[in-house]
Amino acid sequence: MDGIDKLFSTMHTAASGLSAERARIDVIAENIANARTTRTPEGGPYRRKLVRFEPLVERAADGSSRITGVRAAAVVEDVTSPMERLRVPGHPDADADGWVEFPNVNATREMADLITAMRSYEANLAVHESFVEMAERALAILR
């Protein structure tokens, strides 16, 4: 890695974090929007989705490697959380005994995840803004 790449590696790392957290925020918003969707095109109730992150790894010519950021690798369904079953006779999706299966979306958990994602996004944005400010000061010194 040459000098200019080293200079901008911090910005690249922060930008990758911004992108990953934005994807997480979008998925959380989708979960909240579908918290009461009992019928999807695939059949059955909506299933909560999660974003899986993975590190961005850079390999050097000497065989060493280092983590240079993060990316949203996949959006997966939460298959470990149980669906909520409520007795709602007369609901269009109720079974013969009046039981309806609702999504495994918990609004409190989603809001907590949203706050965490927003804080992470803000932290990456602060790093980005600090880098820009530092670069502007360096350019002002060179003038």
Foldseek 3Di string as FASTA:
>chain_A
DDDVCVLCLLVVALVQLLQALVVQLVLLVVLVVQQFAQADPVGGGDFRKGFDKDFDWDADPVGDIDTRHMHRPDIGGDPPQAWDKDQAPPPPQADPRRITTTYSRDVVVSVVSNVVSVVSNVVSVVSNVVSVVVVVVVVVVVD
